Amino acid sequence: MLFHDRVSIEGEAEIIDYDPYGLPIYGPATSQVIPAHVDATTTSDGSQEQANQVISRYRVLLRLPAGLEADGIKEVTWKGKTLTVDGTVQPQMLRGRINHHEFVTERVTG
């Protein structure tokens, strides 16, 4: 499978220190650009109360680099659009190994 698109994934910010009250101080979040394949799946209008909304759903396939946990992915940025993960990130197996990860995202505009 070829991954022609690129998505940016924000990593979780790490605790770098603690303040005098014992609360964590977080460093800046890191982002990684990962090869992916993004397909538009459905587009629908919002509810009757939110008639100006458009809900777009995309299917995202990506191959995660070593050390990046799939459970930490909450959103990805693709072509300047922030896509929120809807559901869980599912590993896809090929010959007993994880080949890539797949998930559905949602983007609400309006």
N, C-alpha and C. Protein backbone atom coordinates (compact mmCIF):
# COMPACT_ATOMS: atom_id res chain seq x y z
N MET A 1 0.84 -1.17 0.00
CA MET A 1 0.00 0.00 0.00
C MET A 1 0.89 1.23 0.00
N LEU A 2 0.54 2.18 -0.85
CA LEU A 2 1.31 3.41 -0.94
C LEU A 2 0.61 4.51 -0.15
N PHE A 3 1.39 5.28 0.56
CA PHE A 3 0.87 6.38 1.36
C PHE A 3 1.33 7.69 0.71
N HIS A 4 0.45 8.27 -0.11
CA HIS A 4 0.80 9.47 -0.87
C HIS A 4 0.57 10.76 -0.11
N ASP A 5 -0.28 10.74 0.90
CA ASP A 5 -0.58 11.94 1.69
C ASP A 5 0.38 12.05 2.86
N ARG A 6 0.35 13.18 3.52
CA ARG A 6 1.10 13.39 4.75
C ARG A 6 0.16 14.01 5.77
N VAL A 7 0.20 13.49 7.00
CA VAL A 7 -0.58 14.07 8.08
C VAL A 7 0.37 14.43 9.22
N SER A 8 -0.02 15.43 9.97
CA SER A 8 0.75 15.85 11.13
C SER A 8 0.01 15.40 12.38
N ILE A 9 0.73 14.77 13.28
CA ILE A 9 0.16 14.27 14.53
C ILE A 9 0.84 14.99 15.68
N GLU A 10 0.02 15.56 16.55
CA GLU A 10 0.55 16.22 17.74
C GLU A 10 0.81 15.18 18.81
N GLY A 11 2.03 15.14 19.30
CA GLY A 11 2.35 14.24 20.40
C GLY A 11 1.92 14.85 21.73
N GLU A 12 1.81 14.03 22.73
CA GLU A 12 1.44 14.53 24.04
C GLU A 12 2.61 15.29 24.65
N ALA A 13 2.29 16.37 25.33
CA ALA A 13 3.32 17.15 26.02
C ALA A 13 3.84 16.37 27.21
N GLU A 14 5.14 16.39 27.40
CA GLU A 14 5.74 15.67 28.52
C GLU A 14 5.91 16.58 29.73
N ILE A 15 5.87 15.98 30.90
CA ILE A 15 6.09 16.73 32.13
C ILE A 15 7.59 17.02 32.23
N ILE A 16 7.94 18.32 32.33
CA ILE A 16 9.35 18.68 32.41
C ILE A 16 9.77 19.10 33.82
N ASP A 17 8.78 19.47 34.64
CA ASP A 17 9.11 19.89 36.00
C ASP A 17 7.80 19.99 36.79
N TYR A 18 7.93 20.36 38.05
CA TYR A 18 6.77 20.57 38.90
C TYR A 18 6.87 21.94 39.54
N ASP A 19 5.74 22.63 39.71
CA ASP A 19 5.75 23.95 40.34
C ASP A 19 5.81 23.77 41.86
N PRO A 20 5.92 24.87 42.62
CA PRO A 20 6.03 24.77 44.07
C PRO A 20 4.84 24.09 44.75
N TYR A 21 3.69 24.01 44.06
CA TYR A 21 2.50 23.39 44.63
C TYR A 21 2.38 21.92 44.23
N GLY A 22 3.37 21.41 43.52
CA GLY A 22 3.36 20.01 43.12
C GLY A 22 2.60 19.71 41.84
N LEU A 23 2.17 20.76 41.14
CA LEU A 23 1.45 20.56 39.88
C LEU A 23 2.46 20.43 38.73
N PRO A 24 2.17 19.59 37.76
CA PRO A 24 3.13 19.39 36.67
C PRO A 24 3.23 20.59 35.73
N ILE A 25 4.42 20.81 35.24
CA ILE A 25 4.68 21.81 34.21
C ILE A 25 4.99 21.04 32.93
N TYR A 26 4.21 21.30 31.89
CA TYR A 26 4.37 20.56 30.64
C TYR A 26 5.23 21.34 29.66
N GLY A 27 6.05 20.62 28.93
CA GLY A 27 6.83 21.20 27.85
C GLY A 27 5.96 21.32 26.61
N PRO A 28 6.51 21.90 25.56
CA PRO A 28 5.73 22.03 24.33
C PRO A 28 5.46 20.67 23.69
N ALA A 29 4.28 20.55 23.09
CA ALA A 29 3.93 19.31 22.40
C ALA A 29 4.76 19.20 21.12
N THR A 30 5.11 18.01 20.79
CA THR A 30 5.88 17.79 19.56
C THR A 30 4.93 17.28 18.48
N SER A 31 5.26 17.58 17.25
CA SER A 31 4.44 17.07 16.16
C SER A 31 5.33 16.28 15.20
N GLN A 32 4.72 15.29 14.57
CA GLN A 32 5.42 14.46 13.60
C GLN A 32 4.62 14.44 12.32
N VAL A 33 5.31 14.47 11.19
CA VAL A 33 4.66 14.32 9.90
C VAL A 33 4.85 12.87 9.47
N ILE A 34 3.72 12.20 9.18
CA ILE A 34 3.72 10.78 8.92
C ILE A 34 3.07 10.51 7.56
N PRO A 35 3.62 9.59 6.77
CA PRO A 35 2.95 9.21 5.53
C PRO A 35 1.58 8.59 5.82
N ALA A 36 0.59 8.94 5.02
CA ALA A 36 -0.77 8.45 5.26
C ALA A 36 -1.53 8.37 3.94
N HIS A 37 -2.71 7.80 4.04
CA HIS A 37 -3.66 7.79 2.92
C HIS A 37 -4.98 8.27 3.50
N VAL A 38 -5.55 9.33 2.94
CA VAL A 38 -6.78 9.93 3.46
C VAL A 38 -7.84 9.89 2.37
N ASP A 39 -9.01 9.31 2.70
CA ASP A 39 -10.15 9.22 1.79
C ASP A 39 -11.34 9.93 2.41
N ALA A 40 -12.02 10.76 1.62
CA ALA A 40 -13.29 11.32 2.07
C ALA A 40 -14.33 10.22 1.97
N THR A 41 -15.12 10.02 3.03
CA THR A 41 -16.12 8.95 3.00
C THR A 41 -17.54 9.50 2.88
N THR A 42 -17.97 10.35 3.81
CA THR A 42 -19.33 10.89 3.76
C THR A 42 -19.34 12.35 4.15
N THR A 43 -20.36 13.04 3.69
CA THR A 43 -20.62 14.41 4.09
C THR A 43 -22.11 14.52 4.36
N SER A 44 -22.46 15.14 5.48
CA SER A 44 -23.88 15.29 5.81
C SER A 44 -24.11 16.66 6.43
N ASP A 45 -25.37 17.07 6.41
CA ASP A 45 -25.75 18.33 7.03
C ASP A 45 -25.91 18.14 8.52
N GLY A 46 -25.81 19.23 9.25
CA GLY A 46 -26.00 19.17 10.70
C GLY A 46 -27.46 18.96 11.04
N SER A 47 -27.77 18.96 12.32
CA SER A 47 -29.15 18.77 12.77
C SER A 47 -30.00 19.97 12.35
N GLN A 48 -31.29 19.87 12.57
CA GLN A 48 -32.20 20.93 12.16
C GLN A 48 -31.87 22.24 12.88
N GLU A 49 -31.42 22.15 14.14
CA GLU A 49 -31.06 23.35 14.89
C GLU A 49 -29.75 23.95 14.38
N GLN A 50 -28.89 23.12 13.82
CA GLN A 50 -27.59 23.56 13.30
C GLN A 50 -27.56 23.37 11.79
N ALA A 51 -28.48 23.96 11.08
CA ALA A 51 -28.65 23.74 9.64
C ALA A 51 -27.45 24.23 8.83
N ASN A 52 -26.65 25.13 9.37
CA ASN A 52 -25.51 25.65 8.62
C ASN A 52 -24.26 24.77 8.78
N GLN A 53 -24.33 23.72 9.57
CA GLN A 53 -23.18 22.84 9.77
C GLN A 53 -23.06 21.80 8.67
N VAL A 54 -21.81 21.48 8.35
CA VAL A 54 -21.52 20.37 7.45
C VAL A 54 -20.57 19.44 8.18
N ILE A 55 -20.93 18.16 8.23
CA ILE A 55 -20.11 17.16 8.92
C ILE A 55 -19.46 16.28 7.86
N SER A 56 -18.14 16.34 7.79
CA SER A 56 -17.39 15.55 6.82
C SER A 56 -16.62 14.46 7.55
N ARG A 57 -16.64 13.26 7.00
CA ARG A 57 -15.93 12.14 7.61
C ARG A 57 -14.88 11.64 6.62
N TYR A 58 -13.72 11.31 7.17
CA TYR A 58 -12.60 10.83 6.38
C TYR A 58 -12.07 9.53 6.97
N ARG A 59 -11.62 8.63 6.13
CA ARG A 59 -10.94 7.42 6.58
C ARG A 59 -9.45 7.65 6.42
N VAL A 60 -8.70 7.42 7.48
CA VAL A 60 -7.26 7.67 7.49
C VAL A 60 -6.53 6.35 7.71
N LEU A 61 -5.56 6.06 6.86
CA LEU A 61 -4.68 4.91 7.02
C LEU A 61 -3.28 5.47 7.17
N LEU A 62 -2.54 4.99 8.15
CA LEU A 62 -1.17 5.46 8.31
C LEU A 62 -0.29 4.37 8.90
N ARG A 63 0.97 4.50 8.64
CA ARG A 63 1.95 3.59 9.19
C ARG A 63 2.71 4.36 10.26
N LEU A 64 2.52 3.95 11.51
CA LEU A 64 3.13 4.67 12.64
C LEU A 64 4.60 4.32 12.78
N PRO A 65 5.44 5.30 13.06
CA PRO A 65 6.84 5.00 13.34
C PRO A 65 6.99 4.32 14.69
N ALA A 66 8.08 3.63 14.89
CA ALA A 66 8.34 2.95 16.16
C ALA A 66 8.32 3.96 17.30
N GLY A 67 7.70 3.57 18.39
CA GLY A 67 7.67 4.42 19.57
C GLY A 67 6.46 5.32 19.67
N LEU A 68 5.68 5.46 18.61
CA LEU A 68 4.49 6.30 18.66
C LEU A 68 3.28 5.42 18.94
N GLU A 69 2.60 5.70 20.04
CA GLU A 69 1.46 4.91 20.47
C GLU A 69 0.20 5.33 19.73
N ALA A 70 -0.53 4.39 19.21
CA ALA A 70 -1.76 4.67 18.47
C ALA A 70 -2.84 5.24 19.38
N ASP A 71 -2.87 4.84 20.66
CA ASP A 71 -3.89 5.31 21.58
C ASP A 71 -3.79 6.80 21.86
N GLY A 72 -2.63 7.38 21.65
CA GLY A 72 -2.44 8.80 21.92
C GLY A 72 -2.92 9.71 20.81
N ILE A 73 -3.37 9.16 19.70
CA ILE A 73 -3.79 9.99 18.56
C ILE A 73 -5.23 10.44 18.78
N LYS A 74 -5.43 11.72 18.91
CA LYS A 74 -6.76 12.29 19.10
C LYS A 74 -7.21 13.08 17.87
N GLU A 75 -6.25 13.64 17.14
CA GLU A 75 -6.55 14.37 15.92
C GLU A 75 -5.32 14.41 15.03
N VAL A 76 -5.57 14.63 13.75
CA VAL A 76 -4.49 14.76 12.78
C VAL A 76 -4.77 16.01 11.95
N THR A 77 -3.72 16.58 11.37
CA THR A 77 -3.86 17.72 10.49
C THR A 77 -3.49 17.27 9.09
N TRP A 78 -4.39 17.48 8.15
CA TRP A 78 -4.20 17.06 6.76
C TRP A 78 -4.58 18.22 5.85
N LYS A 79 -3.62 18.68 5.05
CA LYS A 79 -3.84 19.79 4.12
C LYS A 79 -4.45 21.00 4.81
N GLY A 80 -3.97 21.29 6.02
CA GLY A 80 -4.44 22.44 6.78
C GLY A 80 -5.75 22.23 7.52
N LYS A 81 -6.36 21.05 7.41
CA LYS A 81 -7.62 20.75 8.08
C LYS A 81 -7.35 19.89 9.30
N THR A 82 -7.96 20.25 10.42
CA THR A 82 -7.84 19.43 11.62
C THR A 82 -8.97 18.42 11.62
N LEU A 83 -8.59 17.14 11.65
CA LEU A 83 -9.55 16.04 11.63
C LEU A 83 -9.51 15.35 12.99
N THR A 84 -10.65 15.27 13.65
CA THR A 84 -10.74 14.67 14.97
C THR A 84 -11.06 13.18 14.84
N VAL A 85 -10.31 12.36 15.56
CA VAL A 85 -10.53 10.91 15.52
C VAL A 85 -11.89 10.58 16.11
N ASP A 86 -12.67 9.79 15.39
CA ASP A 86 -13.99 9.37 15.84
C ASP A 86 -13.95 7.87 16.07
N GLY A 87 -13.87 7.46 17.30
CA GLY A 87 -13.74 6.04 17.62
C GLY A 87 -12.32 5.71 18.05
N THR A 88 -11.89 4.50 17.72
CA THR A 88 -10.55 4.07 18.11
C THR A 88 -9.68 3.85 16.90
N VAL A 89 -8.39 3.88 17.12
CA VAL A 89 -7.41 3.60 16.08
C VAL A 89 -7.20 2.09 16.04
N GLN A 90 -7.48 1.48 14.90
CA GLN A 90 -7.43 0.02 14.78
C GLN A 90 -6.18 -0.43 14.04
N PRO A 91 -5.41 -1.35 14.61
CA PRO A 91 -4.28 -1.92 13.87
C PRO A 91 -4.79 -2.91 12.82
N GLN A 92 -4.20 -2.87 11.64
CA GLN A 92 -4.56 -3.78 10.56
C GLN A 92 -3.40 -4.74 10.36
N MET A 93 -3.68 -6.02 10.47
CA MET A 93 -2.65 -7.05 10.43
C MET A 93 -2.43 -7.59 9.01
N LEU A 94 -1.20 -7.96 8.72
CA LEU A 94 -0.84 -8.62 7.48
C LEU A 94 0.25 -9.63 7.82
N ARG A 95 -0.03 -10.89 7.60
CA ARG A 95 0.90 -11.99 7.90
C ARG A 95 1.36 -11.98 9.36
N GLY A 96 0.44 -11.69 10.26
CA GLY A 96 0.74 -11.75 11.68
C GLY A 96 1.43 -10.53 12.26
N ARG A 97 1.61 -9.50 11.47
CA ARG A 97 2.25 -8.26 11.95
C ARG A 97 1.35 -7.07 11.65
N ILE A 98 1.54 -6.03 12.42
CA ILE A 98 0.77 -4.81 12.15
C ILE A 98 1.34 -4.17 10.89
N ASN A 99 0.48 -4.03 9.88
CA ASN A 99 0.89 -3.41 8.62
C ASN A 99 0.68 -1.90 8.65
N HIS A 100 -0.49 -1.48 9.14
CA HIS A 100 -0.80 -0.06 9.25
C HIS A 100 -1.93 0.09 10.26
N HIS A 101 -2.26 1.34 10.58
CA HIS A 101 -3.37 1.65 11.48
C HIS A 101 -4.43 2.39 10.68
N GLU A 102 -5.68 2.17 11.05
CA GLU A 102 -6.79 2.76 10.32
C GLU A 102 -7.81 3.32 11.30
N PHE A 103 -8.37 4.48 10.96
CA PHE A 103 -9.40 5.09 11.80
C PHE A 103 -10.24 6.06 10.98
N VAL A 104 -11.38 6.42 11.55
CA VAL A 104 -12.30 7.36 10.93
C VAL A 104 -12.18 8.68 11.67
N THR A 105 -12.20 9.77 10.90
CA THR A 105 -12.14 11.10 11.51
C THR A 105 -13.38 11.89 11.11
N GLU A 106 -13.58 12.98 11.83
CA GLU A 106 -14.74 13.82 11.58
C GLU A 106 -14.31 15.27 11.62
N ARG A 107 -14.89 16.06 10.73
CA ARG A 107 -14.61 17.50 10.71
C ARG A 107 -15.94 18.23 10.58
N VAL A 108 -16.23 19.11 11.53
CA VAL A 108 -17.48 19.87 11.53
C VAL A 108 -17.16 21.31 11.17
N THR A 109 -17.83 21.84 10.15
CA THR A 109 -17.64 23.23 9.75
C THR A 109 -18.99 23.95 9.79
N GLY A 110 -18.93 25.23 10.04
CA GLY A 110 -20.16 26.05 10.03
C GLY A 110 -20.73 26.28 11.38
